Amino acid sequence: MKYRMMWAVFTALALGVPSCLAAADPIVIRFSHVVAADAPKGKAAEFFRDRAETLTGGRVRVEVHPNSQLYKDREELEALQLGAVQMLAPSLAKFGPLGLREFEVFDLPYIFADDKALKQVTNGPIGRRLLASLEGRGIKGLAYWDNGFKSFSGNAPIRHPDDLRGKRMRIQASKVLETQMLALGAVPHMMAFSDVYGALRAGVVDGTENPHSNLYTQRMHEVQKHLTVSDHGYLGYAVITNKKFWDGLPRGVRRQLEQAMREASDYANRIAREENERALDAVRAAGTTEIHVLDEAGRAAFRAALLPVHQAMAERIGPELIRAIYDATGFDPQQP
């Protein structure tokens, strides 16, 4: 891994991130991500590529690398900071290991009742402040992209928290998600997204939590017999770039890229719900996975089991931030 990263940095320098600003050569933006090209994030990245190249009149060339072709989850942020890639869209949980634990607030179960509540945060002062906090790590936050709300999957029905007791569940590298699974009596396994299908197939883990689009485009439904529409948590992304690279762009090009990003973000956040509904229909049509929707009693049981995670994680994330989100969204942690 060390030599691979050194070679990537050498390549970036050889190709010349700063020197690519020469008039004769296009500015190359390598946009790396870990999901499939036909997932919502993958489609949004390609939309950004097309708009960026059009709006800049070819002065910028965007190379999109999906499905962990360049880097896995834990590698990609280091690659961005070193300048080996110029743009990423990691899930918000990925910033915790950088010491930016506030981003883990997005992982708290049930903290967003719906899309409207979510937008009160991502489109408001809280969201802007969180993106600005990345700059101390050499990262420029550009936008938030939705994927949607998560469902549980496994090889046995999941209708009540007790159904997850003892199950080995794959999670991202997030202390909040680890605490969430422990609250359900499950055994959390942190694992790179690109490794999940193989781990499910081999029985290394028993289940996952994902928006439907991730589950379907990674073919997890082929190795998961049950899917429970629980909407218990949110999965979103921050589109980020290397700050030194971004600040070194010609001002006019930067404005054009900002416009491309605004358009791509509108597109990404518009299609997320539609893509997840389409993916759920595709899972149903495949016939490999039985789909359950939590009834009122089941949802109440999961909320009762998971809302204590807010208090358990308050010191780690910051009680003031959690309270600010409660105030912005009207969330009542005492409401059943």
Protein backbone atom coordinates (compact mmCIF):
# COMPACT_ATOMS: atom_id res chain seq x y z
CA MET A 1 0.00 0.00 0.00
CA LYS A 2 2.85 2.42 0.89
CA TYR A 3 4.53 1.94 -2.48
CA ARG A 4 1.24 2.15 -4.33
CA MET A 5 0.49 5.51 -2.72
CA MET A 6 4.01 6.79 -3.42
CA TRP A 7 3.64 5.80 -7.07
CA ALA A 8 0.25 7.55 -7.23
CA VAL A 9 1.75 10.74 -5.84
CA PHE A 10 4.71 10.50 -8.26
CA THR A 11 2.27 10.04 -11.14
CA ALA A 12 0.21 13.03 -10.02
CA LEU A 13 3.34 15.18 -9.83
CA ALA A 14 4.61 13.87 -13.15
CA LEU A 15 1.33 14.66 -14.82
CA GLY A 16 1.51 17.93 -12.98
CA VAL A 17 -1.51 19.08 -11.02
CA PRO A 18 -0.21 22.67 -11.08
CA SER A 19 1.37 22.34 -14.53
CA CYS A 20 -1.92 21.14 -15.98
CA LEU A 21 -2.95 24.78 -15.78
CA ALA A 22 -0.81 25.43 -18.86
CA ALA A 23 -2.89 26.87 -21.68
CA ALA A 24 -2.14 24.03 -24.09
CA ASP A 25 -3.27 21.24 -21.79
CA PRO A 26 -6.65 20.56 -20.19
CA ILE A 27 -6.91 20.62 -16.42
CA VAL A 28 -7.40 17.01 -15.37
CA ILE A 29 -9.68 16.20 -12.43
CA ARG A 30 -9.57 12.60 -11.31
CA PHE A 31 -12.88 11.91 -9.55
CA SER A 32 -12.70 8.64 -7.60
CA HIS A 33 -15.57 6.94 -5.78
CA VAL A 34 -16.43 3.50 -4.39
CA VAL A 35 -19.94 2.80 -5.73
CA ALA A 36 -21.18 1.52 -9.07
CA ALA A 37 -21.45 3.87 -12.02
CA ASP A 38 -25.22 3.34 -12.11
CA ALA A 39 -25.74 4.17 -8.42
CA PRO A 40 -27.02 7.69 -7.67
CA LYS A 41 -23.54 8.95 -6.74
CA GLY A 42 -22.07 7.36 -9.85
CA LYS A 43 -24.64 8.99 -12.09
CA ALA A 44 -24.12 12.36 -10.40
CA ALA A 45 -20.35 12.12 -10.88
CA GLU A 46 -20.85 11.52 -14.59
CA PHE A 47 -23.33 14.40 -14.75
CA PHE A 48 -20.71 16.66 -13.15
CA ARG A 49 -18.11 15.46 -15.63
CA ASP A 50 -20.32 16.32 -18.60
CA ARG A 51 -21.31 19.75 -17.27
CA ALA A 52 -17.77 20.63 -16.19
CA GLU A 53 -16.33 19.82 -19.58
CA THR A 54 -19.13 21.69 -21.37
CA LEU A 55 -19.11 24.80 -19.20
CA THR A 56 -15.32 25.13 -19.38
CA GLY A 57 -15.27 24.60 -23.12
CA GLY A 58 -12.91 21.67 -22.77
CA ARG A 59 -10.42 23.46 -20.53
CA VAL A 60 -11.20 20.80 -17.90
CA ARG A 61 -11.24 17.04 -18.40
CA VAL A 62 -12.88 14.99 -15.65
CA GLU A 63 -11.91 11.33 -15.34
CA VAL A 64 -14.46 9.42 -13.25
CA HIS A 65 -13.21 6.20 -11.60
CA PRO A 66 -16.11 4.26 -10.00
CA ASN A 67 -16.32 1.06 -7.96
CA SER A 68 -13.05 1.50 -6.03
CA GLN A 69 -11.05 1.21 -9.25
CA LEU A 70 -8.36 3.47 -7.80
CA TYR A 71 -8.79 3.38 -4.03
CA LYS A 72 -10.85 1.70 -1.35
CA ASP A 73 -12.65 3.53 1.45
CA ARG A 74 -9.70 4.07 3.77
CA GLU A 75 -7.24 4.90 1.00
CA GLU A 76 -9.11 7.54 -0.94
CA LEU A 77 -8.95 10.40 1.56
CA GLU A 78 -5.20 10.01 1.91
CA ALA A 79 -4.89 9.99 -1.88
CA LEU A 80 -6.86 13.25 -2.08
CA GLN A 81 -4.75 14.96 0.59
CA LEU A 82 -1.57 13.87 -1.22
CA GLY A 83 -2.87 15.13 -4.56
CA ALA A 84 -3.06 11.72 -6.28
CA VAL A 85 -6.74 12.42 -7.04
CA GLN A 86 -8.52 15.76 -7.13
CA MET A 87 -12.12 14.92 -6.22
CA LEU A 88 -14.03 12.42 -4.09
CA ALA A 89 -17.54 11.98 -2.73
CA PRO A 90 -17.03 9.93 0.45
CA SER A 91 -19.85 9.09 2.82
CA LEU A 92 -20.08 11.52 5.70
CA ALA A 93 -18.94 8.87 8.18
CA LYS A 94 -15.49 8.84 6.54
CA PHE A 95 -14.45 12.11 8.19
CA GLY A 96 -14.53 10.73 11.72
CA PRO A 97 -11.14 8.98 11.37
CA LEU A 98 -9.66 12.37 10.34
CA GLY A 99 -10.66 13.72 13.73
CA LEU A 100 -13.76 15.49 12.39
CA ARG A 101 -16.20 13.61 14.56
CA GLU A 102 -18.99 16.15 14.10
CA PHE A 103 -19.76 14.60 10.72
CA GLU A 104 -20.79 11.42 12.53
CA VAL A 105 -23.96 13.25 13.57
CA PHE A 106 -25.38 12.18 10.19
CA ASP A 107 -25.06 8.54 11.31
CA LEU A 108 -27.31 8.94 14.35
CA PRO A 109 -30.37 6.71 13.90
CA TYR A 110 -33.66 8.45 13.21
CA ILE A 111 -32.22 11.96 13.57
CA PHE A 112 -33.80 12.98 10.25
CA ALA A 113 -37.51 12.25 9.98
CA ASP A 114 -37.58 12.89 6.23
CA ASP A 115 -35.87 14.70 3.36
CA LYS A 116 -37.24 18.07 4.46
CA ALA A 117 -35.63 17.74 7.88
CA LEU A 118 -32.36 16.68 6.28
CA LYS A 119 -32.29 19.72 4.00
CA GLN A 120 -32.76 22.02 6.99
CA VAL A 121 -29.27 20.87 7.98
CA THR A 122 -27.36 20.32 4.73
CA ASN A 123 -28.70 23.48 3.06
CA GLY A 124 -28.38 25.61 6.19
CA PRO A 125 -25.68 27.12 8.41
CA ILE A 126 -24.93 23.81 10.14
CA GLY A 127 -24.10 22.12 6.85
CA ARG A 128 -21.96 25.03 5.66
CA ARG A 129 -20.04 25.12 8.94
CA LEU A 130 -19.28 21.41 8.75
CA LEU A 131 -17.95 21.68 5.20
CA ALA A 132 -15.79 24.66 6.20
CA SER A 133 -14.25 22.58 9.00
CA LEU A 134 -12.58 20.37 6.37
CA GLU A 135 -10.22 23.11 5.25
CA GLY A 136 -7.87 22.58 8.16
CA ARG A 137 -7.17 19.12 6.70
CA GLY A 138 -6.32 20.47 3.25
CA ILE A 139 -9.79 19.61 1.92
CA LYS A 140 -12.35 21.89 0.29
CA GLY A 141 -15.98 20.85 0.81
CA LEU A 142 -18.07 21.57 -2.28
CA ALA A 143 -21.52 20.05 -1.77
CA TYR A 144 -23.69 17.42 -0.13
CA TRP A 145 -25.12 14.61 -2.25
CA ASP A 146 -27.93 12.39 -1.00
CA ASN A 147 -28.23 8.67 -1.31
CA GLY A 148 -31.17 8.19 1.00
CA PHE A 149 -32.39 6.28 4.00
CA LYS A 150 -31.13 2.84 4.90
CA SER A 151 -32.73 -0.58 5.24
CA PHE A 152 -31.48 -3.68 7.01
CA SER A 153 -30.74 -6.85 5.05
CA GLY A 154 -29.96 -10.37 6.19
CA ASN A 155 -30.64 -14.04 5.63
CA ALA A 156 -33.43 -14.21 8.21
CA PRO A 157 -36.48 -11.97 8.66
CA ILE A 158 -35.86 -8.68 10.52
CA ARG A 159 -39.05 -7.35 12.06
CA HIS A 160 -37.91 -6.53 15.60
CA PRO A 161 -34.58 -5.45 17.15
CA ASP A 162 -34.21 -8.90 18.71
CA ASP A 163 -33.98 -10.36 15.20
CA LEU A 164 -30.53 -8.78 14.84
CA ARG A 165 -29.19 -10.15 18.11
CA GLY A 166 -25.91 -11.98 17.48
CA LYS A 167 -25.93 -11.21 13.74
CA ARG A 168 -22.67 -10.06 12.18
CA MET A 169 -23.51 -6.79 10.45
CA ARG A 170 -21.24 -4.90 8.07
CA ILE A 171 -20.85 -1.20 8.84
CA GLN A 172 -18.72 1.70 7.69
CA ALA A 173 -15.87 2.88 9.90
CA SER A 174 -18.07 4.89 12.26
CA LYS A 175 -18.17 4.77 16.03
CA VAL A 176 -21.81 5.82 15.88
CA LEU A 177 -22.74 2.91 13.62
CA GLU A 178 -20.75 0.55 15.81
CA THR A 179 -22.71 1.77 18.85
CA GLN A 180 -25.96 1.46 16.89
CA MET A 181 -25.34 -2.20 16.09
CA LEU A 182 -24.28 -2.97 19.65
CA ALA A 183 -27.52 -1.37 20.88
CA LEU A 184 -29.38 -3.91 18.73
CA GLY A 185 -27.33 -6.80 20.08
CA ALA A 186 -25.62 -7.25 16.71
CA VAL A 187 -21.89 -7.76 16.11
CA PRO A 188 -20.55 -4.83 14.01
CA HIS A 189 -17.93 -5.56 11.34
CA MET A 190 -16.20 -2.54 9.77
CA MET A 191 -15.42 -3.36 6.16
CA ALA A 192 -14.64 -1.56 2.90
CA PHE A 193 -17.69 -1.22 0.68
CA SER A 194 -16.01 -3.03 -2.20
CA ASP A 195 -15.52 -6.13 -0.02
CA VAL A 196 -19.13 -6.49 1.18
CA TYR A 197 -20.57 -8.68 -1.58
CA GLY A 198 -17.80 -11.26 -1.21
CA ALA A 199 -18.10 -11.20 2.58
CA LEU A 200 -21.85 -11.81 2.39
CA ARG A 201 -21.40 -14.60 -0.11
CA ALA A 202 -18.73 -16.27 2.03
CA GLY A 203 -20.74 -15.86 5.23
CA VAL A 204 -18.13 -13.61 6.85
CA VAL A 205 -20.98 -11.23 7.70
CA ASP A 206 -24.69 -11.95 7.95
CA GLY A 207 -26.18 -8.66 6.85
CA THR A 208 -25.88 -4.99 6.02
CA GLU A 209 -27.56 -1.63 6.21
CA ASN A 210 -27.81 0.24 2.93
CA PRO A 211 -30.04 2.41 0.78
CA HIS A 212 -31.69 0.17 -1.79
CA SER A 213 -29.65 1.57 -4.67
CA ASN A 214 -26.38 0.48 -3.05
CA LEU A 215 -27.74 -2.95 -2.24
CA TYR A 216 -29.01 -3.52 -5.77
CA THR A 217 -26.13 -2.07 -7.80
CA GLN A 218 -23.63 -4.11 -5.75
CA ARG A 219 -25.77 -7.25 -6.25
CA MET A 220 -26.08 -7.80 -2.50
CA HIS A 221 -29.67 -8.89 -2.99
CA GLU A 222 -28.30 -12.02 -4.67
CA VAL A 223 -26.80 -13.11 -1.33
CA GLN A 224 -29.39 -11.66 1.08
CA LYS A 225 -32.70 -13.45 1.51
CA HIS A 226 -34.47 -10.71 3.44
CA LEU A 227 -34.69 -6.91 3.25
CA THR A 228 -36.49 -4.77 5.81
CA VAL A 229 -37.52 -1.24 4.81
CA SER A 230 -36.66 0.43 8.11
CA ASP A 231 -35.50 3.96 7.15
CA HIS A 232 -33.57 3.91 10.41
CA GLY A 233 -30.63 6.02 9.27
CA TYR A 234 -29.35 8.28 6.54
CA LEU A 235 -26.51 7.84 4.06
CA GLY A 236 -25.15 10.87 2.27
CA TYR A 237 -21.90 12.13 0.80
CA ALA A 238 -19.76 15.25 0.80
CA VAL A 239 -18.20 16.12 -2.53
CA ILE A 240 -14.68 17.29 -1.74
CA THR A 241 -11.54 18.38 -3.52
CA ASN A 242 -7.91 18.98 -2.68
CA LYS A 243 -7.88 22.57 -1.38
CA LYS A 244 -4.47 23.46 -2.81
CA PHE A 245 -5.56 22.20 -6.23
CA TRP A 246 -8.87 24.07 -6.05
CA ASP A 247 -7.32 27.35 -4.90
CA GLY A 248 -4.75 27.11 -7.69
CA LEU A 249 -7.34 26.99 -10.47
CA PRO A 250 -7.88 30.05 -12.65
CA ARG A 251 -10.72 32.07 -11.17
CA GLY A 252 -12.91 31.79 -14.24
CA VAL A 253 -12.50 28.02 -14.40
CA ARG A 254 -13.29 27.71 -10.72
CA ARG A 255 -16.53 29.66 -11.19
CA GLN A 256 -17.50 27.37 -14.06
CA LEU A 257 -16.78 24.29 -11.97
CA GLU A 258 -18.82 25.71 -9.11
CA GLN A 259 -21.73 26.08 -11.51
CA ALA A 260 -21.26 22.51 -12.72
CA MET A 261 -21.23 21.32 -9.11
CA ARG A 262 -24.44 23.21 -8.27
CA GLU A 263 -26.17 21.59 -11.24
CA ALA A 264 -24.77 18.15 -10.41
CA SER A 265 -25.86 18.51 -6.77
CA ASP A 266 -29.40 19.44 -7.79
CA TYR A 267 -29.42 16.41 -10.05
CA ALA A 268 -27.95 14.07 -7.43
CA ASN A 269 -30.40 15.09 -4.74
CA ARG A 270 -33.34 14.96 -7.14
CA ILE A 271 -32.70 11.41 -8.35
CA ALA A 272 -31.78 9.79 -5.02
CA ARG A 273 -35.34 8.91 -3.96
CA GLU A 274 -36.32 7.85 -7.48
CA GLU A 275 -33.26 5.61 -7.84
CA ASN A 276 -33.88 3.94 -4.49
CA GLU A 277 -37.52 3.25 -5.34
CA ARG A 278 -36.46 1.81 -8.70
CA ALA A 279 -33.84 -0.36 -6.99
CA LEU A 280 -36.40 -1.69 -4.50
CA ASP A 281 -38.68 -2.62 -7.39
CA ALA A 282 -35.75 -4.37 -9.10
CA VAL A 283 -34.93 -6.34 -5.94
CA ARG A 284 -38.57 -7.38 -5.69
CA ALA A 285 -38.62 -8.42 -9.35
CA ALA A 286 -35.43 -10.46 -8.96
CA GLY A 287 -37.27 -12.78 -6.60
CA THR A 288 -34.19 -13.58 -4.51
CA THR A 289 -35.10 -11.43 -1.52
CA GLU A 290 -38.25 -11.20 0.55
CA ILE A 291 -39.10 -7.59 1.36
CA HIS A 292 -40.60 -6.56 4.69
CA VAL A 293 -41.88 -3.12 5.69
CA LEU A 294 -41.83 -2.35 9.39
CA ASP A 295 -45.29 -1.94 10.86
CA GLU A 296 -46.00 0.68 13.51
CA ALA A 297 -45.06 -1.60 16.37
CA GLY A 298 -41.83 -2.69 14.69
CA ARG A 299 -40.79 0.88 13.96
CA ALA A 300 -41.54 1.92 17.54
CA ALA A 301 -39.43 -0.96 18.85
CA PHE A 302 -36.45 0.04 16.69
CA ARG A 303 -36.76 3.69 17.71
CA ALA A 304 -36.87 2.73 21.38
CA ALA A 305 -33.76 0.58 20.94
CA LEU A 306 -31.80 3.12 18.91
CA LEU A 307 -32.60 6.60 20.21
CA PRO A 308 -30.36 6.08 23.27
CA VAL A 309 -27.46 6.09 20.80
CA HIS A 310 -27.91 9.88 20.55
CA GLN A 311 -27.11 10.33 24.22
CA ALA A 312 -24.34 7.75 24.15
CA MET A 313 -22.59 9.59 21.32
CA ALA A 314 -23.23 13.14 22.51
CA GLU A 315 -19.81 13.63 24.07
CA ARG A 316 -18.04 12.27 20.99
CA ILE A 317 -20.00 14.32 18.44
CA GLY A 318 -20.78 17.37 20.56
CA PRO A 319 -24.04 17.89 22.45
CA GLU A 320 -24.34 21.44 21.10
CA LEU A 321 -24.35 20.18 17.51
CA ILE A 322 -26.93 17.51 18.25
CA ARG A 323 -29.14 20.07 20.00
CA ALA A 324 -28.73 22.50 17.08
CA ILE A 325 -29.97 19.80 14.69
CA TYR A 326 -32.90 19.02 16.97
CA ASP A 327 -33.80 22.72 16.93
CA ALA A 328 -33.35 23.09 13.15
CA THR A 329 -35.47 20.06 12.30
CA GLY A 330 -37.99 20.02 15.13
CA PHE A 331 -36.80 16.60 16.23
CA ASP A 332 -38.11 15.44 19.60
CA PRO A 333 -36.03 12.59 21.05
CA GLN A 334 -38.79 11.91 23.57
CA GLN A 335 -41.40 11.28 20.91
CA PRO A 336 -42.08 7.53 20.44
